[in-house]
């Protein structure tokens, strides 16, 4: 039973090794898995929306947040490259196992293909027969995001990815899919309930809204840029703290 889960030091090493592998993946592998991750997060986003529509207000937020965790579960278990989670590659950079060029290339490639995956899912959803209430709820959520200040976007992005990366981090301590999901789900549920800002989820909300009713693209940039910066800083914070705590010298 002592070896059921890895220790914090072992998780730090596993995260570093995963980061090295991701940084050295073939470009087509990264593109394909990032595309799927964009779709997975979009699936989590729309499922969360449906739950909030059909269930009573008392229980809907929690169950909706739980269903959103489906997106990250698919990334971790089915396989995907998610921008927010890949900020943890910063640990491998700090240990000098990957270069700055490898780090930046991975982040840029994954970010782009996460967007393409989210956009593809939005387009396909638009072509299906879905409840108009879903579109109303998503566009309302997007409008609320456009009303956030730059500081709110930055802080919300930072705190979001602290929780997302903690979810990914603790999932690394387990070897089976069920344990990974249980460990990962709690931080994800927390960030949804607290309404923090996730750049890839926002790609879905904004692209869906743009297709359905049009959107202020300047406003989108005013949200996405600080949210993305906040996500980067939040992930670097988690990777940096643990790498510093358990570095070998």
C-alpha atoms as a PDB file:
ATOM      1  CA  UNK A   1       0.000   0.000   0.000  1.00  0.00           C
ATOM      2  CA  UNK A   2       2.974   2.291   0.594  1.00  0.00           C
ATOM      3  CA  UNK A   3       3.584   2.458  -3.167  1.00  0.00           C
ATOM      4  CA  UNK A   4      -0.031   3.029  -4.191  1.00  0.00           C
ATOM      5  CA  UNK A   5       0.752   6.683  -4.933  1.00  0.00           C
ATOM      6  CA  UNK A   6       4.024   8.434  -5.701  1.00  0.00           C
ATOM      7  CA  UNK A   7       5.562  10.878  -3.247  1.00  0.00           C
ATOM      8  CA  UNK A   8       5.855  14.587  -4.030  1.00  0.00           C
ATOM      9  CA  UNK A   9       9.509  14.169  -4.989  1.00  0.00           C
ATOM     10  CA  UNK A  10       8.632  11.253  -7.271  1.00  0.00           C
ATOM     11  CA  UNK A  11       5.803  13.246  -8.856  1.00  0.00           C
ATOM     12  CA  UNK A  12       8.249  16.085  -9.537  1.00  0.00           C
ATOM     13  CA  UNK A  13      10.572  13.671 -11.313  1.00  0.00           C
ATOM     14  CA  UNK A  14       7.706  12.096 -13.265  1.00  0.00           C
ATOM     15  CA  UNK A  15       6.473  15.535 -14.324  1.00  0.00           C
ATOM     16  CA  UNK A  16       9.976  16.414 -15.533  1.00  0.00           C
ATOM     17  CA  UNK A  17      10.273  13.194 -17.535  1.00  0.00           C
ATOM     18  CA  UNK A  18       6.836  13.736 -19.079  1.00  0.00           C
ATOM     19  CA  UNK A  19       7.899  17.279 -19.969  1.00  0.00           C
ATOM     20  CA  UNK A  20      11.059  16.006 -21.683  1.00  0.00           C
ATOM     21  CA  UNK A  21       9.027  13.503 -23.697  1.00  0.00           C
ATOM     22  CA  UNK A  22       6.443  16.097 -24.725  1.00  0.00           C
ATOM     23  CA  UNK A  23       9.130  18.562 -25.787  1.00  0.00           C
ATOM     24  CA  UNK A  24      10.714  15.905 -28.005  1.00  0.00           C
ATOM     25  CA  UNK A  25       7.535  14.587 -29.607  1.00  0.00           C
ATOM     26  CA  UNK A  26       7.237  14.766 -33.377  1.00  0.00           C
ATOM     27  CA  UNK A  27       5.409  17.880 -34.591  1.00  0.00           C
ATOM     28  CA  UNK A  28       2.544  15.819 -36.039  1.00  0.00           C
ATOM     29  CA  UNK A  29       2.089  14.030 -32.708  1.00  0.00           C
ATOM     30  CA  UNK A  30       1.876  17.313 -30.833  1.00  0.00           C
ATOM     31  CA  UNK A  31      -0.509  18.827 -33.397  1.00  0.00           C
ATOM     32  CA  UNK A  32      -2.819  15.806 -33.385  1.00  0.00           C
ATOM     33  CA  UNK A  33      -2.976  15.492 -29.605  1.00  0.00           C
ATOM     34  CA  UNK A  34      -3.404  19.253 -29.149  1.00  0.00           C
ATOM     35  CA  UNK A  35      -6.295  19.239 -31.620  1.00  0.00           C
ATOM     36  CA  UNK A  36      -7.963  16.462 -29.609  1.00  0.00           C
ATOM     37  CA  UNK A  37      -7.370  18.298 -26.331  1.00  0.00           C
ATOM     38  CA  UNK A  38      -9.087  21.404 -27.722  1.00  0.00           C
ATOM     39  CA  UNK A  39     -12.089  19.241 -28.569  1.00  0.00           C
ATOM     40  CA  UNK A  40     -12.027  17.529 -25.166  1.00  0.00           C
ATOM     41  CA  UNK A  41     -12.140  20.828 -23.274  1.00  0.00           C
ATOM     42  CA  UNK A  42     -14.945  22.045 -25.557  1.00  0.00           C
ATOM     43  CA  UNK A  43     -16.886  18.855 -24.759  1.00  0.00           C
ATOM     44  CA  UNK A  44     -16.393  19.556 -21.067  1.00  0.00           C
ATOM     45  CA  UNK A  45     -17.534  23.150 -21.555  1.00  0.00           C
ATOM     46  CA  UNK A  46     -20.737  22.328 -23.411  1.00  0.00           C
ATOM     47  CA  UNK A  47     -21.563  19.464 -21.040  1.00  0.00           C
ATOM     48  CA  UNK A  48     -21.168  21.817 -18.104  1.00  0.00           C
ATOM     49  CA  UNK A  49     -23.553  24.220 -19.863  1.00  0.00           C
ATOM     50  CA  UNK A  50     -26.209  21.534 -20.430  1.00  0.00           C
ATOM     51  CA  UNK A  51     -26.087  20.395 -16.806  1.00  0.00           C
ATOM     52  CA  UNK A  52     -26.577  23.961 -15.604  1.00  0.00           C
ATOM     53  CA  UNK A  53     -29.599  24.322 -17.901  1.00  0.00           C
ATOM     54  CA  UNK A  54     -31.437  21.100 -17.049  1.00  0.00           C
ATOM     55  CA  UNK A  55     -30.785  20.761 -13.324  1.00  0.00           C
ATOM     56  CA  UNK A  56     -32.054  22.837 -10.422  1.00  0.00           C
ATOM     57  CA  UNK A  57     -29.832  25.785  -9.414  1.00  0.00           C
ATOM     58  CA  UNK A  58     -28.940  24.177  -6.088  1.00  0.00           C
ATOM     59  CA  UNK A  59     -27.095  21.143  -7.463  1.00  0.00           C
ATOM     60  CA  UNK A  60     -26.327  22.243 -11.038  1.00  0.00           C
ATOM     61  CA  UNK A  61     -23.117  24.239 -10.385  1.00  0.00           C
ATOM     62  CA  UNK A  62     -21.373  21.326  -8.668  1.00  0.00           C
ATOM     63  CA  UNK A  63     -22.490  18.649 -11.107  1.00  0.00           C
ATOM     64  CA  UNK A  64     -21.760  20.958 -14.037  1.00  0.00           C
ATOM     65  CA  UNK A  65     -18.240  21.534 -12.708  1.00  0.00           C
ATOM     66  CA  UNK A  66     -17.845  17.779 -12.244  1.00  0.00           C
ATOM     67  CA  UNK A  67     -18.839  17.199 -15.871  1.00  0.00           C
ATOM     68  CA  UNK A  68     -16.372  19.853 -17.039  1.00  0.00           C
ATOM     69  CA  UNK A  69     -13.665  17.700 -15.444  1.00  0.00           C
ATOM     70  CA  UNK A  70     -14.537  15.159 -18.153  1.00  0.00           C
ATOM     71  CA  UNK A  71     -12.498  17.312 -20.553  1.00  0.00           C
ATOM     72  CA  UNK A  72      -9.257  17.059 -18.586  1.00  0.00           C
ATOM     73  CA  UNK A  73      -9.907  13.387 -17.823  1.00  0.00           C
ATOM     74  CA  UNK A  74      -9.992  12.718 -21.571  1.00  0.00           C
ATOM     75  CA  UNK A  75      -6.769  14.695 -22.013  1.00  0.00           C
ATOM     76  CA  UNK A  76      -4.974  12.688 -19.331  1.00  0.00           C
ATOM     77  CA  UNK A  77      -6.382   9.226 -20.039  1.00  0.00           C
ATOM     78  CA  UNK A  78      -7.307   9.175 -23.732  1.00  0.00           C
ATOM     79  CA  UNK A  79      -4.292  11.318 -24.600  1.00  0.00           C
ATOM     80  CA  UNK A  80      -4.030  14.998 -25.405  1.00  0.00           C
ATOM     81  CA  UNK A  81      -1.737  18.000 -25.340  1.00  0.00           C
ATOM     82  CA  UNK A  82      -3.378  20.827 -23.386  1.00  0.00           C
ATOM     83  CA  UNK A  83      -1.752  24.256 -23.287  1.00  0.00           C
ATOM     84  CA  UNK A  84      -2.558  24.968 -19.648  1.00  0.00           C
ATOM     85  CA  UNK A  85      -1.232  21.589 -18.475  1.00  0.00           C
ATOM     86  CA  UNK A  86       1.844  21.854 -20.688  1.00  0.00           C
ATOM     87  CA  UNK A  87       2.981  24.934 -18.814  1.00  0.00           C
ATOM     88  CA  UNK A  88       4.385  22.311 -16.411  1.00  0.00           C
ATOM     89  CA  UNK A  89       7.118  21.716 -19.005  1.00  0.00           C
ATOM     90  CA  UNK A  90       8.685  24.735 -17.335  1.00  0.00           C
ATOM     91  CA  UNK A  91      10.004  22.318 -14.693  1.00  0.00           C
ATOM     92  CA  UNK A  92      12.016  20.432 -17.325  1.00  0.00           C
ATOM     93  CA  UNK A  93      13.334  23.760 -18.588  1.00  0.00           C
ATOM     94  CA  UNK A  94      14.424  24.801 -15.089  1.00  0.00           C
ATOM     95  CA  UNK A  95      16.306  21.524 -14.709  1.00  0.00           C
ATOM     96  CA  UNK A  96      18.008  22.256 -18.065  1.00  0.00           C
ATOM     97  CA  UNK A  97      16.605  19.094 -19.662  1.00  0.00           C
ATOM     98  CA  UNK A  98      14.874  21.015 -22.459  1.00  0.00           C
ATOM     99  CA  UNK A  99      15.805  24.278 -24.157  1.00  0.00           C
ATOM    100  CA  UNK A 100      13.885  27.553 -24.204  1.00  0.00           C
ATOM    101  CA  UNK A 101      13.262  26.968 -27.922  1.00  0.00           C
ATOM    102  CA  UNK A 102      11.727  23.549 -27.231  1.00  0.00           C
ATOM    103  CA  UNK A 103       9.570  25.030 -24.479  1.00  0.00           C
ATOM    104  CA  UNK A 104       8.310  27.942 -26.590  1.00  0.00           C
ATOM    105  CA  UNK A 105       7.753  25.723 -29.645  1.00  0.00           C
ATOM    106  CA  UNK A 106       5.636  23.276 -27.646  1.00  0.00           C
ATOM    107  CA  UNK A 107       3.564  25.995 -26.010  1.00  0.00           C
ATOM    108  CA  UNK A 108       2.962  27.833 -29.282  1.00  0.00           C
ATOM    109  CA  UNK A 109       2.105  24.707 -31.261  1.00  0.00           C
ATOM    110  CA  UNK A 110      -0.207  23.332 -28.577  1.00  0.00           C
ATOM    111  CA  UNK A 111      -1.968  26.675 -28.082  1.00  0.00           C
ATOM    112  CA  UNK A 112      -2.689  26.990 -31.815  1.00  0.00           C
ATOM    113  CA  UNK A 113      -3.977  23.453 -32.214  1.00  0.00           C
ATOM    114  CA  UNK A 114      -6.036  23.628 -29.027  1.00  0.00           C
ATOM    115  CA  UNK A 115      -7.780  26.570 -30.665  1.00  0.00           C
ATOM    116  CA  UNK A 116      -8.289  24.676 -33.921  1.00  0.00           C
ATOM    117  CA  UNK A 117      -9.762  21.738 -32.010  1.00  0.00           C
ATOM    118  CA  UNK A 118     -12.122  23.975 -30.025  1.00  0.00           C
ATOM    119  CA  UNK A 119     -13.152  25.825 -33.189  1.00  0.00           C
ATOM    120  CA  UNK A 120     -13.800  22.551 -35.017  1.00  0.00           C
ATOM    121  CA  UNK A 121     -16.040  21.346 -32.200  1.00  0.00           C
ATOM    122  CA  UNK A 122     -17.900  24.675 -32.224  1.00  0.00           C
ATOM    123  CA  UNK A 123     -18.464  24.399 -35.987  1.00  0.00           C
ATOM    124  CA  UNK A 124     -19.687  20.818 -35.769  1.00  0.00           C
ATOM    125  CA  UNK A 125     -22.008  21.672 -32.873  1.00  0.00           C
ATOM    126  CA  UNK A 126     -23.427  24.554 -34.910  1.00  0.00           C
ATOM    127  CA  UNK A 127     -24.360  22.061 -37.641  1.00  0.00           C
ATOM    128  CA  UNK A 128     -26.280  19.798 -35.253  1.00  0.00           C
ATOM    129  CA  UNK A 129     -29.792  20.185 -33.882  1.00  0.00           C
ATOM    130  CA  UNK A 130     -29.287  21.455 -30.335  1.00  0.00           C
ATOM    131  CA  UNK A 131     -31.405  23.190 -27.721  1.00  0.00           C
ATOM    132  CA  UNK A 132     -31.384  26.982 -28.358  1.00  0.00           C
ATOM    133  CA  UNK A 133     -31.008  27.411 -24.608  1.00  0.00           C
ATOM    134  CA  UNK A 134     -27.481  26.017 -24.935  1.00  0.00           C
ATOM    135  CA  UNK A 135     -26.503  28.783 -27.353  1.00  0.00           C
ATOM    136  CA  UNK A 136     -28.118  31.401 -25.120  1.00  0.00           C
ATOM    137  CA  UNK A 137     -26.216  30.165 -22.080  1.00  0.00           C
ATOM    138  CA  UNK A 138     -22.856  29.975 -23.862  1.00  0.00           C
ATOM    139  CA  UNK A 139     -23.206  33.418 -25.460  1.00  0.00           C
ATOM    140  CA  UNK A 140     -24.223  34.867 -22.080  1.00  0.00           C
ATOM    141  CA  UNK A 141     -21.140  33.300 -20.498  1.00  0.00           C
ATOM    142  CA  UNK A 142     -18.953  34.720 -23.271  1.00  0.00           C
ATOM    143  CA  UNK A 143     -20.476  38.172 -22.789  1.00  0.00           C
ATOM    144  CA  UNK A 144     -19.678  38.007 -19.091  1.00  0.00           C
ATOM    145  CA  UNK A 145     -16.062  37.154 -19.871  1.00  0.00           C
ATOM    146  CA  UNK A 146     -15.807  40.138 -22.223  1.00  0.00           C
ATOM    147  CA  UNK A 147     -16.852  42.422 -19.352  1.00  0.00           C
ATOM    148  CA  UNK A 148     -13.940  41.402 -17.133  1.00  0.00           C
ATOM    149  CA  UNK A 149     -11.136  43.875 -16.556  1.00  0.00           C
ATOM    150  CA  UNK A 150      -7.572  43.064 -17.585  1.00  0.00           C
ATOM    151  CA  UNK A 151      -6.598  42.577 -13.934  1.00  0.00           C
ATOM    152  CA  UNK A 152      -9.537  40.225 -13.374  1.00  0.00           C
ATOM    153  CA  UNK A 153      -8.528  38.228 -16.461  1.00  0.00           C
ATOM    154  CA  UNK A 154      -4.905  38.056 -15.361  1.00  0.00           C
ATOM    155  CA  UNK A 155      -5.697  37.049 -11.768  1.00  0.00           C
ATOM    156  CA  UNK A 156      -8.443  34.653 -12.832  1.00  0.00           C
ATOM    157  CA  UNK A 157      -6.094  33.067 -15.369  1.00  0.00           C
ATOM    158  CA  UNK A 158      -3.339  32.704 -12.767  1.00  0.00           C
ATOM    159  CA  UNK A 159      -5.568  31.079 -10.152  1.00  0.00           C
ATOM    160  CA  UNK A 160      -7.236  28.883 -12.754  1.00  0.00           C
ATOM    161  CA  UNK A 161      -3.964  27.345 -13.849  1.00  0.00           C
ATOM    162  CA  UNK A 162      -2.693  26.957 -10.313  1.00  0.00           C
ATOM    163  CA  UNK A 163      -5.676  24.636  -9.830  1.00  0.00           C
ATOM    164  CA  UNK A 164      -5.501  22.994 -13.262  1.00  0.00           C
ATOM    165  CA  UNK A 165      -1.785  22.269 -12.890  1.00  0.00           C
ATOM    166  CA  UNK A 166      -2.347  20.965  -9.370  1.00  0.00           C
ATOM    167  CA  UNK A 167      -4.993  18.661 -10.828  1.00  0.00           C
ATOM    168  CA  UNK A 168      -2.537  17.433 -13.454  1.00  0.00           C
ATOM    169  CA  UNK A 169       0.239  17.254 -10.849  1.00  0.00           C
ATOM    170  CA  UNK A 170      -1.629  15.049  -8.394  1.00  0.00           C
ATOM    171  CA  UNK A 171      -2.849  12.836 -11.253  1.00  0.00           C
ATOM    172  CA  UNK A 172       0.810  12.057 -11.977  1.00  0.00           C
ATOM    173  CA  UNK A 173       0.997  10.325  -8.589  1.00  0.00           C
ATOM    174  CA  UNK A 174      -1.388   7.574  -9.764  1.00  0.00           C
ATOM    175  CA  UNK A 175      -0.922   4.875 -12.378  1.00  0.00           C
ATOM    176  CA  UNK A 176      -4.518   3.845 -13.080  1.00  0.00           C
ATOM    177  CA  UNK A 177      -7.186   5.855 -14.895  1.00  0.00           C
ATOM    178  CA  UNK A 178      -9.771   5.848 -12.107  1.00  0.00           C
ATOM    179  CA  UNK A 179      -7.352   7.228  -9.526  1.00  0.00           C
ATOM    180  CA  UNK A 180      -6.082   9.834 -11.979  1.00  0.00           C
ATOM    181  CA  UNK A 181      -9.636  11.080 -12.561  1.00  0.00           C
ATOM    182  CA  UNK A 182     -10.568  11.246  -8.867  1.00  0.00           C
ATOM    183  CA  UNK A 183      -7.375  13.099  -7.958  1.00  0.00           C
ATOM    184  CA  UNK A 184      -7.584  15.482 -10.890  1.00  0.00           C
ATOM    185  CA  UNK A 185     -11.308  16.239 -10.630  1.00  0.00           C
ATOM    186  CA  UNK A 186     -11.341  18.110  -7.301  1.00  0.00           C
ATOM    187  CA  UNK A 187      -9.086  21.039  -8.334  1.00  0.00           C
ATOM    188  CA  UNK A 188     -10.931  21.274 -11.666  1.00  0.00           C
ATOM    189  CA  UNK A 189     -14.312  21.414  -9.923  1.00  0.00           C
ATOM    190  CA  UNK A 190     -12.916  24.152  -7.673  1.00  0.00           C
ATOM    191  CA  UNK A 191     -11.772  26.369 -10.558  1.00  0.00           C
ATOM    192  CA  UNK A 192     -15.139  26.056 -12.307  1.00  0.00           C
ATOM    193  CA  UNK A 193     -17.108  26.847  -9.150  1.00  0.00           C
ATOM    194  CA  UNK A 194     -14.859  29.837  -8.478  1.00  0.00           C
ATOM    195  CA  UNK A 195     -15.319  31.042 -12.092  1.00  0.00           C
ATOM    196  CA  UNK A 196     -11.634  31.394 -12.885  1.00  0.00           C
ATOM    197  CA  UNK A 197     -10.458  31.881 -16.468  1.00  0.00           C
ATOM    198  CA  UNK A 198      -9.151  29.010 -18.623  1.00  0.00           C
ATOM    199  CA  UNK A 199      -7.735  30.079 -21.998  1.00  0.00           C
ATOM    200  CA  UNK A 200      -8.644  26.883 -23.865  1.00  0.00           C
ATOM    201  CA  UNK A 201     -12.173  26.781 -22.459  1.00  0.00           C
ATOM    202  CA  UNK A 202     -12.527  30.420 -23.517  1.00  0.00           C
ATOM    203  CA  UNK A 203     -11.475  29.432 -27.040  1.00  0.00           C
ATOM    204  CA  UNK A 204     -14.605  27.291 -27.161  1.00  0.00           C
ATOM    205  CA  UNK A 205     -16.946  29.867 -25.597  1.00  0.00           C
ATOM    206  CA  UNK A 206     -15.744  32.650 -27.885  1.00  0.00           C
ATOM    207  CA  UNK A 207     -15.604  30.606 -31.095  1.00  0.00           C
ATOM    208  CA  UNK A 208     -19.073  29.177 -30.497  1.00  0.00           C
ATOM    209  CA  UNK A 209     -20.464  32.645 -29.809  1.00  0.00           C
ATOM    210  CA  UNK A 210     -18.750  34.079 -32.907  1.00  0.00           C
ATOM    211  CA  UNK A 211     -20.385  31.413 -35.075  1.00  0.00           C
ATOM    212  CA  UNK A 212     -23.822  31.735 -33.489  1.00  0.00           C
ATOM    213  CA  UNK A 213     -24.260  35.469 -33.115  1.00  0.00           C
ATOM    214  CA  UNK A 214     -21.019  37.301 -33.805  1.00  0.00           C
ATOM    215  CA  UNK A 215     -18.590  38.695 -31.254  1.00  0.00           C
ATOM    216  CA  UNK A 216     -16.357  41.684 -30.524  1.00  0.00           C
ATOM    217  CA  UNK A 217     -12.932  40.362 -31.534  1.00  0.00           C
ATOM    218  CA  UNK A 218     -11.108  43.254 -29.862  1.00  0.00           C
ATOM    219  CA  UNK A 219     -12.908  42.337 -26.654  1.00  0.00           C
ATOM    220  CA  UNK A 220     -11.875  38.709 -27.163  1.00  0.00           C
ATOM    221  CA  UNK A 221      -8.219  39.740 -27.400  1.00  0.00           C
ATOM    222  CA  UNK A 222      -8.572  41.871 -24.261  1.00  0.00           C
ATOM    223  CA  UNK A 223      -9.706  38.726 -22.464  1.00  0.00           C
ATOM    224  CA  UNK A 224      -7.525  36.080 -24.094  1.00  0.00           C
ATOM    225  CA  UNK A 225      -4.175  37.849 -23.836  1.00  0.00           C
ATOM    226  CA  UNK A 226      -4.212  38.480 -20.055  1.00  0.00           C
ATOM    227  CA  UNK A 227      -5.937  35.142 -19.375  1.00  0.00           C
ATOM    228  CA  UNK A 228      -3.227  33.336 -21.342  1.00  0.00           C
ATOM    229  CA  UNK A 229      -0.483  35.247 -19.530  1.00  0.00           C
ATOM    230  CA  UNK A 230      -2.164  34.452 -16.205  1.00  0.00           C
ATOM    231  CA  UNK A 231      -2.407  30.758 -17.143  1.00  0.00           C
ATOM    232  CA  UNK A 232       1.305  30.726 -18.010  1.00  0.00           C
ATOM    233  CA  UNK A 233       2.294  32.378 -14.746  1.00  0.00           C
ATOM    234  CA  UNK A 234       0.060  30.062 -12.699  1.00  0.00           C
ATOM    235  CA  UNK A 235       1.549  26.947 -14.273  1.00  0.00           C
ATOM    236  CA  UNK A 236       5.099  28.275 -13.939  1.00  0.00           C
ATOM    237  CA  UNK A 237       4.394  28.942 -10.262  1.00  0.00           C
ATOM    238  CA  UNK A 238       3.455  25.305  -9.589  1.00  0.00           C
ATOM    239  CA  UNK A 239       6.305  23.849 -11.669  1.00  0.00           C
ATOM    240  CA  UNK A 240       8.802  26.307 -10.213  1.00  0.00           C
ATOM    241  CA  UNK A 241       7.919  25.710  -6.558  1.00  0.00           C
ATOM    242  CA  UNK A 242       8.168  21.923  -6.782  1.00  0.00           C
ATOM    243  CA  UNK A 243      11.266  21.964  -8.954  1.00  0.00           C
ATOM    244  CA  UNK A 244      12.926  24.274  -6.409  1.00  0.00           C
ATOM    245  CA  UNK A 245      11.795  22.092  -3.490  1.00  0.00           C
ATOM    246  CA  UNK A 246      13.189  18.870  -4.906  1.00  0.00           C
ATOM    247  CA  UNK A 247      16.076  19.948  -7.120  1.00  0.00           C
ATOM    248  CA  UNK A 248      19.167  17.799  -6.682  1.00  0.00           C
ATOM    249  CA  UNK A 249      21.654  20.615  -6.020  1.00  0.00           C
END
